[in-house]
Amino acid sequence: MVRQGEMTIAFLLFVLYCSSVETKMEYEFIRELFNPCAGDAHPQVSVSDVDTDNVDSYVQQFLSGKDSCCHKSVKDAGVLIYEIEEDGRKQKLTFTPYD
């Protein structure tokens, strides 16, 4: 038979474990690169799937760190859009969560 104090401790340990487990989300990732110097009016577009538990950290790899400006917006259904500008180049990163 389990005593009440033992059950409470086990429950608290379970809650702490569950809150520390990182859950990854799967997103459709669209990257648009705008290069006005290339003379092309259309952006270069790439589409892929991304599994991440922290989109902000994932976006860091697209920032060079020098004079970069990043604007984040959240749209309906959890769509995350990051607009990045650095050294005159612009890119737009769109993360759409899969249901």
C-alpha atoms as a PDB file:
ATOM      1  CA  MET A   1       0.000   0.000   0.000  1.00  0.00           C
ATOM      2  CA  VAL A   2       1.322   3.452  -0.961  1.00  0.00           C
ATOM      3  CA  ARG A   3       1.243   6.124   1.683  1.00  0.00           C
ATOM      4  CA  GLN A   4      -0.188   9.512   0.773  1.00  0.00           C
ATOM      5  CA  GLY A   5       3.156  11.315   1.182  1.00  0.00           C
ATOM      6  CA  GLU A   6       4.911   8.912  -1.181  1.00  0.00           C
ATOM      7  CA  MET A   7       2.219   9.347  -3.815  1.00  0.00           C
ATOM      8  CA  THR A   8       2.456  13.140  -3.642  1.00  0.00           C
ATOM      9  CA  ILE A   9       6.233  13.051  -4.117  1.00  0.00           C
ATOM     10  CA  ALA A  10       5.905  10.653  -7.060  1.00  0.00           C
ATOM     11  CA  PHE A  11       3.288  12.897  -8.647  1.00  0.00           C
ATOM     12  CA  LEU A  12       5.473  16.003  -8.231  1.00  0.00           C
ATOM     13  CA  LEU A  13       8.441  14.215  -9.776  1.00  0.00           C
ATOM     14  CA  PHE A  14       6.252  13.168 -12.703  1.00  0.00           C
ATOM     15  CA  VAL A  15       5.048  16.763 -13.234  1.00  0.00           C
ATOM     16  CA  LEU A  16       8.630  18.070 -13.127  1.00  0.00           C
ATOM     17  CA  TYR A  17       9.734  15.429 -15.628  1.00  0.00           C
ATOM     18  CA  CYS A  18       6.891  16.222 -18.035  1.00  0.00           C
ATOM     19  CA  SER A  19       7.548  19.956 -17.877  1.00  0.00           C
ATOM     20  CA  SER A  20      11.255  19.459 -18.600  1.00  0.00           C
ATOM     21  CA  VAL A  21      10.702  17.276 -21.668  1.00  0.00           C
ATOM     22  CA  GLU A  22      11.082  19.375 -24.793  1.00  0.00           C
ATOM     23  CA  THR A  23       8.425  18.801 -27.396  1.00  0.00           C
ATOM     24  CA  LYS A  24       9.405  19.395 -30.967  1.00  0.00           C
ATOM     25  CA  MET A  25       6.954  20.896 -33.392  1.00  0.00           C
ATOM     26  CA  GLU A  26       6.956  20.213 -37.101  1.00  0.00           C
ATOM     27  CA  TYR A  27       6.690  23.191 -39.443  1.00  0.00           C
ATOM     28  CA  GLU A  28       6.539  23.859 -43.148  1.00  0.00           C
ATOM     29  CA  PHE A  29       9.452  26.262 -43.614  1.00  0.00           C
ATOM     30  CA  ILE A  30       9.528  28.746 -46.503  1.00  0.00           C
ATOM     31  CA  ARG A  31      12.623  30.877 -47.028  1.00  0.00           C
ATOM     32  CA  GLU A  32      12.459  33.772 -49.481  1.00  0.00           C
ATOM     33  CA  LEU A  33      15.682  35.555 -50.422  1.00  0.00           C
ATOM     34  CA  PHE A  34      15.376  38.991 -51.998  1.00  0.00           C
ATOM     35  CA  ASN A  35      18.464  40.162 -53.867  1.00  0.00           C
ATOM     36  CA  PRO A  36      17.914  43.527 -55.596  1.00  0.00           C
ATOM     37  CA  CYS A  37      21.459  43.547 -56.991  1.00  0.00           C
ATOM     38  CA  ALA A  38      20.865  40.394 -59.042  1.00  0.00           C
ATOM     39  CA  GLY A  39      18.295  42.190 -61.196  1.00  0.00           C
ATOM     40  CA  ASP A  40      15.668  39.518 -60.595  1.00  0.00           C
ATOM     41  CA  ALA A  41      12.273  40.843 -59.494  1.00  0.00           C
ATOM     42  CA  HIS A  42      11.288  37.535 -57.891  1.00  0.00           C
ATOM     43  CA  PRO A  43      12.747  36.119 -54.687  1.00  0.00           C
ATOM     44  CA  GLN A  44      14.589  32.809 -54.527  1.00  0.00           C
ATOM     45  CA  VAL A  45      12.242  30.471 -52.652  1.00  0.00           C
ATOM     46  CA  SER A  46      13.005  27.228 -50.867  1.00  0.00           C
ATOM     47  CA  VAL A  47      10.496  25.034 -49.034  1.00  0.00           C
ATOM     48  CA  SER A  48      11.308  22.328 -46.486  1.00  0.00           C
ATOM     49  CA  ASP A  49      10.104  20.679 -43.290  1.00  0.00           C
ATOM     50  CA  VAL A  50      11.614  21.685 -39.961  1.00  0.00           C
ATOM     51  CA  ASP A  51      11.374  19.936 -36.581  1.00  0.00           C
ATOM     52  CA  THR A  52      12.320  22.249 -33.737  1.00  0.00           C
ATOM     53  CA  ASP A  53      11.377  22.980 -30.154  1.00  0.00           C
ATOM     54  CA  ASN A  54      12.449  26.639 -30.417  1.00  0.00           C
ATOM     55  CA  VAL A  55      11.878  28.546 -33.662  1.00  0.00           C
ATOM     56  CA  ASP A  56      13.681  31.653 -32.387  1.00  0.00           C
ATOM     57  CA  SER A  57      16.859  29.628 -31.846  1.00  0.00           C
ATOM     58  CA  TYR A  58      16.476  28.016 -35.263  1.00  0.00           C
ATOM     59  CA  VAL A  59      16.266  31.450 -36.913  1.00  0.00           C
ATOM     60  CA  GLN A  60      19.591  32.489 -35.328  1.00  0.00           C
ATOM     61  CA  GLN A  61      21.469  30.479 -37.953  1.00  0.00           C
ATOM     62  CA  PHE A  62      20.211  32.890 -40.636  1.00  0.00           C
ATOM     63  CA  LEU A  63      21.605  35.966 -38.891  1.00  0.00           C
ATOM     64  CA  SER A  64      25.211  36.886 -39.515  1.00  0.00           C
ATOM     65  CA  GLY A  65      25.369  39.087 -36.428  1.00  0.00           C
ATOM     66  CA  LYS A  66      26.548  42.243 -38.140  1.00  0.00           C
ATOM     67  CA  ASP A  67      24.035  45.060 -38.569  1.00  0.00           C
ATOM     68  CA  SER A  68      21.101  42.685 -38.854  1.00  0.00           C
ATOM     69  CA  CYS A  69      17.510  43.618 -38.134  1.00  0.00           C
ATOM     70  CA  CYS A  70      14.890  40.948 -37.485  1.00  0.00           C
ATOM     71  CA  HIS A  71      11.158  41.518 -37.098  1.00  0.00           C
ATOM     72  CA  LYS A  72       8.939  38.680 -35.870  1.00  0.00           C
ATOM     73  CA  SER A  73       5.179  38.507 -36.292  1.00  0.00           C
ATOM     74  CA  VAL A  74       2.637  35.868 -35.334  1.00  0.00           C
ATOM     75  CA  LYS A  75      -0.312  35.292 -37.648  1.00  0.00           C
ATOM     76  CA  ASP A  76      -3.450  33.168 -37.443  1.00  0.00           C
ATOM     77  CA  ALA A  77      -3.093  29.467 -36.623  1.00  0.00           C
ATOM     78  CA  GLY A  78       0.367  30.002 -35.118  1.00  0.00           C
ATOM     79  CA  VAL A  79       2.162  30.975 -38.336  1.00  0.00           C
ATOM     80  CA  LEU A  80       5.463  32.679 -37.484  1.00  0.00           C
ATOM     81  CA  ILE A  81       7.026  35.160 -39.913  1.00  0.00           C
ATOM     82  CA  TYR A  82      10.548  36.556 -39.517  1.00  0.00           C
ATOM     83  CA  GLU A  83      11.625  39.418 -41.772  1.00  0.00           C
ATOM     84  CA  ILE A  84      15.380  39.851 -41.755  1.00  0.00           C
ATOM     85  CA  GLU A  85      17.419  42.649 -43.274  1.00  0.00           C
ATOM     86  CA  GLU A  86      21.197  42.795 -43.183  1.00  0.00           C
ATOM     87  CA  ASP A  87      23.734  44.459 -45.421  1.00  0.00           C
ATOM     88  CA  GLY A  88      20.992  45.549 -47.840  1.00  0.00           C
ATOM     89  CA  ARG A  89      19.743  41.993 -48.339  1.00  0.00           C
ATOM     90  CA  LYS A  90      16.321  40.906 -47.214  1.00  0.00           C
ATOM     91  CA  GLN A  91      14.899  37.509 -46.435  1.00  0.00           C
ATOM     92  CA  LYS A  92      11.574  36.297 -45.151  1.00  0.00           C
ATOM     93  CA  LEU A  93      11.248  33.102 -43.118  1.00  0.00           C
ATOM     94  CA  THR A  94       7.768  31.621 -42.682  1.00  0.00           C
ATOM     95  CA  PHE A  95       7.024  28.754 -40.282  1.00  0.00           C
ATOM     96  CA  THR A  96       3.581  27.151 -40.607  1.00  0.00           C
ATOM     97  CA  PRO A  97       2.855  24.484 -37.980  1.00  0.00           C
ATOM     98  CA  TYR A  98       1.447  21.163 -39.140  1.00  0.00           C
ATOM     99  CA  ASP A  99      -1.709  20.073 -37.368  1.00  0.00           C
END
